Amino acid sequence: MSPRPYILSETNWKTVKDTHYNVAVLPWGATEAHNYHMPYATDTILAEHVAAKAAGLAWEQDVKVMVLPAIAFGVNTGQLDIPFTINLNPSTQALILRDIVDSLSGQNVKKLVILNAHGGNDFRQMIRELQGTCPDMFISAVNWWRTAKDTDFFDEPGDHAGELETSAVMHIAPDLVLPLSEAGDGKSNKLLLKAHQQGWAWTPRAWTKATSDTGVGNPALSTAEKGERFVAATAANIAGYFVELAHADLNNLYEQHLQS
């Protein structure tokens, strides 16, 4: 396969020096257990693949997107009792993100999209802080799995290593998924506190108390075909965002209402 000019880890300075890039994309995943049948790298695999597919679609529309190397570690403070689940605290993520933003800003790359594939990652407050110190940068975060309606593709999408994620990885990297007969059923235990069950109070999950197999959601109905359709839909929507953002004037992003 020839190098893809929109994947930084594959391309070279000869290509980069003569190209004006409109948008930088930072895939951000995690390293954590995903039930018994899925790889620890699931979130990073998904972030990288969807970012690359969306960037390729954008290039077909003459929009120069550059996908940066993925960050493979996420916030996993509730899973530290699971061997080889690696945690980056939000404060550590914020420092990493700041250095990346500083690098891009100095190179006149002013539009950055964080393509997130891990539910424990939340970049909103980090972006708010960077907005104050890097006002010339447009930084946004996209959770890839929310860019298409999951119930249009899956019977039980699930939350973690369920039908959605399993189907997607079965499509992208089938050799890394064990037979579904090896998977747990992904049942999860609810907190006994009523406010949390009603959805108006929140606390991080203690993962091994909340699940028996580290999964949340039943993967039994997963298929590669479902994953292919969902990934295609999400990549198309994300590519549309890249194109729109690339053409956007950062000084004129908001609707102007005429005053009477």
Protein backbone atom coordinates (compact mmCIF):
# COMPACT_ATOMS: atom_id res chain seq x y z
CA MET A 1 0.00 0.00 0.00
CA SER A 2 1.41 3.40 -0.95
CA PRO A 3 1.68 6.06 1.79
CA ARG A 4 -1.48 8.02 2.42
CA PRO A 5 -0.65 11.73 2.38
CA TYR A 6 -3.31 12.46 5.03
CA ILE A 7 -1.76 10.08 7.61
CA LEU A 8 1.21 11.79 9.26
CA SER A 9 2.86 8.53 10.35
CA GLU A 10 2.91 7.34 6.71
CA THR A 11 3.83 10.50 4.83
CA ASN A 12 7.07 12.50 4.60
CA TRP A 13 8.51 15.99 4.60
CA LYS A 14 8.70 16.03 0.79
CA THR A 15 4.90 15.86 0.70
CA VAL A 16 4.20 17.97 3.77
CA LYS A 17 6.38 20.95 2.86
CA ASP A 18 4.45 21.64 -0.33
CA THR A 19 0.92 21.11 1.06
CA HIS A 20 -1.30 23.53 2.95
CA TYR A 21 -3.32 21.54 5.47
CA ASN A 22 -6.75 22.80 6.44
CA VAL A 23 -7.48 20.69 9.52
CA ALA A 24 -5.45 18.51 11.92
CA VAL A 25 -7.13 15.47 13.46
CA LEU A 26 -5.98 13.85 16.69
CA PRO A 27 -7.38 10.34 17.28
CA TRP A 28 -7.58 9.59 21.00
CA GLY A 29 -8.29 6.12 22.35
CA ALA A 30 -7.46 4.09 25.44
CA THR A 31 -5.76 0.91 26.58
CA GLU A 32 -8.21 -1.17 28.59
CA ALA A 33 -9.92 -4.55 28.82
CA HIS A 34 -12.91 -5.03 26.49
CA ASN A 35 -14.75 -8.13 27.68
CA TYR A 36 -13.07 -11.48 26.93
CA HIS A 37 -13.20 -11.31 23.14
CA MET A 38 -11.92 -7.85 22.22
CA PRO A 39 -8.38 -6.39 22.24
CA TYR A 40 -7.14 -3.87 24.76
CA ALA A 41 -6.48 -1.51 21.85
CA THR A 42 -10.14 -1.45 20.73
CA ASP A 43 -10.68 2.29 21.28
CA THR A 44 -7.42 3.27 19.60
CA ILE A 45 -8.09 0.97 16.63
CA LEU A 46 -11.50 2.60 16.18
CA ALA A 47 -10.21 6.16 16.55
CA GLU A 48 -7.39 5.62 14.05
CA HIS A 49 -9.52 3.83 11.47
CA VAL A 50 -12.45 6.23 11.50
CA ALA A 51 -10.13 9.26 11.43
CA ALA A 52 -8.27 7.85 8.42
CA LYS A 53 -11.44 6.91 6.56
CA ALA A 54 -13.01 10.32 7.16
CA ALA A 55 -9.81 12.13 6.17
CA GLY A 56 -9.60 10.12 2.96
CA LEU A 57 -13.15 11.12 2.07
CA ALA A 58 -12.29 14.76 2.77
CA TRP A 59 -9.23 14.57 0.49
CA GLU A 60 -11.50 13.33 -2.29
CA GLN A 61 -13.20 16.73 -1.95
CA ASP A 62 -9.84 18.52 -2.13
CA VAL A 63 -9.78 19.28 1.59
CA LYS A 64 -6.35 18.66 3.07
CA VAL A 65 -6.77 16.97 6.44
CA MET A 66 -3.81 15.59 8.38
CA VAL A 67 -4.36 12.75 10.85
CA LEU A 68 -1.84 12.85 13.68
CA PRO A 69 -0.58 9.70 15.43
CA ALA A 70 -3.16 8.42 17.90
CA ILE A 71 -2.91 8.81 21.66
CA ALA A 72 -3.36 5.27 22.96
CA PHE A 73 -4.05 6.00 26.64
CA GLY A 74 -7.22 7.44 28.16
CA VAL A 75 -8.82 8.17 31.52
CA ASN A 76 -9.25 4.81 33.25
CA THR A 77 -9.24 5.65 36.95
CA GLY A 78 -12.02 3.16 37.64
CA GLN A 79 -10.19 0.21 36.08
CA LEU A 80 -6.81 0.35 37.75
CA ASP A 81 -7.37 -3.03 39.42
CA ILE A 82 -7.49 -4.66 35.96
CA PRO A 83 -3.96 -5.65 34.84
CA PHE A 84 -2.48 -3.57 32.02
CA THR A 85 -5.29 -1.07 31.90
CA ILE A 86 -3.28 2.13 31.60
CA ASN A 87 -4.62 5.40 33.00
CA LEU A 88 -3.87 8.97 31.97
CA ASN A 89 -5.33 11.43 34.44
CA PRO A 90 -7.28 14.32 32.88
CA SER A 91 -4.59 16.71 34.09
CA THR A 92 -1.98 14.67 32.18
CA GLN A 93 -4.15 14.66 29.08
CA ALA A 94 -4.50 18.42 29.35
CA LEU A 95 -0.71 18.86 29.33
CA ILE A 96 -0.32 16.60 26.31
CA LEU A 97 -3.08 18.41 24.47
CA ARG A 98 -1.58 21.80 25.30
CA ASP A 99 1.80 20.82 23.85
CA ILE A 100 0.15 19.53 20.67
CA VAL A 101 -1.90 22.72 20.31
CA ASP A 102 1.17 24.90 20.90
CA SER A 103 3.05 22.97 18.21
CA LEU A 104 0.27 23.28 15.65
CA SER A 105 -0.41 26.93 16.37
CA GLY A 106 3.22 27.82 15.81
CA GLN A 107 3.06 26.03 12.44
CA ASN A 108 -0.04 28.00 11.39
CA VAL A 109 -2.36 25.00 11.66
CA LYS A 110 -5.29 26.65 13.40
CA LYS A 111 -8.04 24.01 13.27
CA LEU A 112 -7.83 20.84 15.39
CA VAL A 113 -10.40 18.10 15.81
CA ILE A 114 -9.94 15.54 18.59
CA LEU A 115 -11.58 12.32 17.38
CA ASN A 116 -12.38 10.45 20.57
CA ALA A 117 -13.22 6.76 20.88
CA HIS A 118 -13.20 6.29 24.67
CA GLY A 119 -16.17 7.13 26.87
CA GLY A 120 -13.95 7.98 29.83
CA ASN A 121 -12.28 10.82 27.93
CA ASP A 122 -13.89 14.25 28.20
CA PHE A 123 -12.03 17.13 26.58
CA ARG A 124 -14.54 19.91 27.05
CA GLN A 125 -12.96 21.60 30.05
CA MET A 126 -9.49 21.24 28.55
CA ILE A 127 -10.68 22.98 25.39
CA ARG A 128 -12.29 25.74 27.47
CA GLU A 129 -8.96 26.37 29.18
CA LEU A 130 -7.05 26.36 25.89
CA GLN A 131 -9.56 28.82 24.45
CA GLY A 132 -8.30 31.39 26.92
CA THR A 133 -4.60 30.89 26.17
CA CYS A 134 -4.79 30.01 22.45
CA PRO A 135 -7.57 32.23 21.12
CA ASP A 136 -6.30 31.87 17.54
CA MET A 137 -7.02 28.11 17.57
CA PHE A 138 -10.32 26.39 16.83
CA ILE A 139 -10.38 23.14 18.83
CA SER A 140 -13.30 20.73 18.89
CA ALA A 141 -13.93 17.20 20.11
CA VAL A 142 -16.00 14.54 18.34
CA ASN A 143 -17.08 11.23 19.86
CA TRP A 144 -17.05 9.05 16.76
CA TRP A 145 -19.80 6.66 17.89
CA ARG A 146 -22.27 9.52 18.30
CA THR A 147 -22.00 10.76 14.73
CA ALA A 148 -24.64 8.33 13.44
CA LYS A 149 -27.75 6.96 15.15
CA ASP A 150 -26.61 3.65 16.62
CA THR A 151 -30.10 2.13 16.89
CA ASP A 152 -30.45 2.38 13.10
CA PHE A 153 -27.69 -0.21 12.82
CA PHE A 154 -27.73 -2.32 15.99
CA ASP A 155 -30.34 -4.14 18.08
CA GLU A 156 -28.46 -3.52 21.35
CA PRO A 157 -25.57 -1.10 20.74
CA GLY A 158 -24.17 -1.43 24.26
CA ASP A 159 -21.79 0.85 26.13
CA HIS A 160 -18.46 -0.99 26.17
CA ALA A 161 -17.48 -4.03 24.06
CA GLY A 162 -21.12 -4.53 23.16
CA GLU A 163 -22.70 -4.98 19.76
CA LEU A 164 -21.55 -1.62 18.35
CA GLU A 165 -17.87 -1.82 19.24
CA THR A 166 -17.62 -5.53 18.56
CA SER A 167 -19.21 -5.20 15.13
CA ALA A 168 -16.93 -2.29 14.23
CA VAL A 169 -13.74 -4.15 15.18
CA MET A 170 -15.00 -7.32 13.47
CA HIS A 171 -15.09 -5.20 10.31
CA ILE A 172 -11.82 -3.32 10.83
CA ALA A 173 -9.57 -5.96 12.44
CA PRO A 174 -11.39 -9.34 12.41
CA ASP A 175 -8.25 -11.28 13.34
CA LEU A 176 -8.19 -9.51 16.72
CA VAL A 177 -11.71 -10.57 17.76
CA LEU A 178 -12.20 -13.96 19.37
CA PRO A 179 -15.29 -16.04 18.50
CA LEU A 180 -18.37 -14.57 20.16
CA SER A 181 -18.78 -17.85 22.05
CA GLU A 182 -15.78 -16.70 24.12
CA ALA A 183 -17.43 -13.39 25.11
CA GLY A 184 -19.21 -12.62 28.35
CA ASP A 185 -22.79 -11.36 28.19
CA GLY A 186 -21.79 -7.82 29.16
CA LYS A 187 -24.31 -7.52 31.98
CA SER A 188 -23.76 -4.55 34.28
CA ASN A 189 -24.81 -3.82 37.84
CA LYS A 190 -26.52 -0.52 38.62
CA LEU A 191 -25.62 1.63 41.59
CA LEU A 192 -28.17 1.26 44.37
CA LEU A 193 -28.44 5.03 44.86
CA LYS A 194 -31.72 6.28 43.40
CA ALA A 195 -30.35 9.63 42.20
CA HIS A 196 -27.85 7.79 40.00
CA GLN A 197 -30.49 5.42 38.65
CA GLN A 198 -32.65 8.43 37.78
CA GLY A 199 -29.75 10.05 35.96
CA TRP A 200 -29.33 13.33 37.87
CA ALA A 201 -26.30 12.33 39.92
CA TRP A 202 -23.06 10.97 38.53
CA THR A 203 -19.93 9.25 39.78
CA PRO A 204 -17.32 7.19 37.93
CA ARG A 205 -18.01 3.48 37.78
CA ALA A 206 -15.94 1.09 39.87
CA TRP A 207 -15.54 -1.15 36.86
CA THR A 208 -15.04 -4.61 38.37
CA LYS A 209 -17.99 -4.00 40.71
CA ALA A 210 -20.18 -2.75 37.89
CA THR A 211 -19.38 -5.60 35.48
CA SER A 212 -18.37 -9.24 35.66
CA ASP A 213 -16.46 -9.46 32.35
CA THR A 214 -15.44 -5.78 31.85
CA GLY A 215 -18.09 -5.46 29.15
CA VAL A 216 -21.23 -3.33 29.27
CA GLY A 217 -23.61 -4.52 26.58
CA ASN A 218 -24.25 -7.90 24.99
CA PRO A 219 -22.09 -8.56 21.89
CA ALA A 220 -24.04 -11.69 20.84
CA LEU A 221 -25.69 -10.10 17.78
CA SER A 222 -22.52 -8.47 16.45
CA THR A 223 -21.56 -8.89 12.79
CA ALA A 224 -18.86 -7.43 10.59
CA GLU A 225 -21.56 -6.31 8.14
CA LYS A 226 -23.25 -4.17 10.79
CA GLY A 227 -19.88 -2.71 11.72
CA GLU A 228 -19.06 -1.88 8.11
CA ARG A 229 -22.33 -0.01 7.60
CA PHE A 230 -21.98 1.94 10.85
CA VAL A 231 -18.34 2.86 10.29
CA ALA A 232 -19.17 4.03 6.76
CA ALA A 233 -22.00 6.24 8.05
CA THR A 234 -19.91 7.77 10.82
CA ALA A 235 -16.92 8.39 8.56
CA ALA A 236 -19.11 10.11 5.98
CA ASN A 237 -20.61 12.42 8.60
CA ILE A 238 -17.23 13.20 10.13
CA ALA A 239 -15.74 13.88 6.69
CA GLY A 240 -18.57 16.33 6.09
CA TYR A 241 -17.60 18.13 9.28
CA PHE A 242 -13.95 18.25 8.21
CA VAL A 243 -14.93 19.79 4.87
CA GLU A 244 -17.23 22.35 6.48
CA LEU A 245 -14.62 23.29 9.07
CA ALA A 246 -11.88 23.55 6.46
CA HIS A 247 -13.89 26.12 4.51
CA ALA A 248 -15.02 28.04 7.61
CA ASP A 249 -13.71 31.52 8.36
CA LEU A 250 -12.62 31.47 12.00
CA ASN A 251 -13.43 35.16 12.30
CA ASN A 252 -16.98 34.64 11.09
CA LEU A 253 -18.33 31.44 12.60
CA TYR A 254 -21.56 32.73 14.10
CA GLU A 255 -24.82 33.70 12.50
CA GLN A 256 -25.29 37.44 12.24
CA HIS A 257 -28.79 38.71 13.07
CA LEU A 258 -29.91 41.91 11.45
CA GLN A 259 -30.84 44.61 13.94
CA SER A 260 -34.08 46.48 13.37
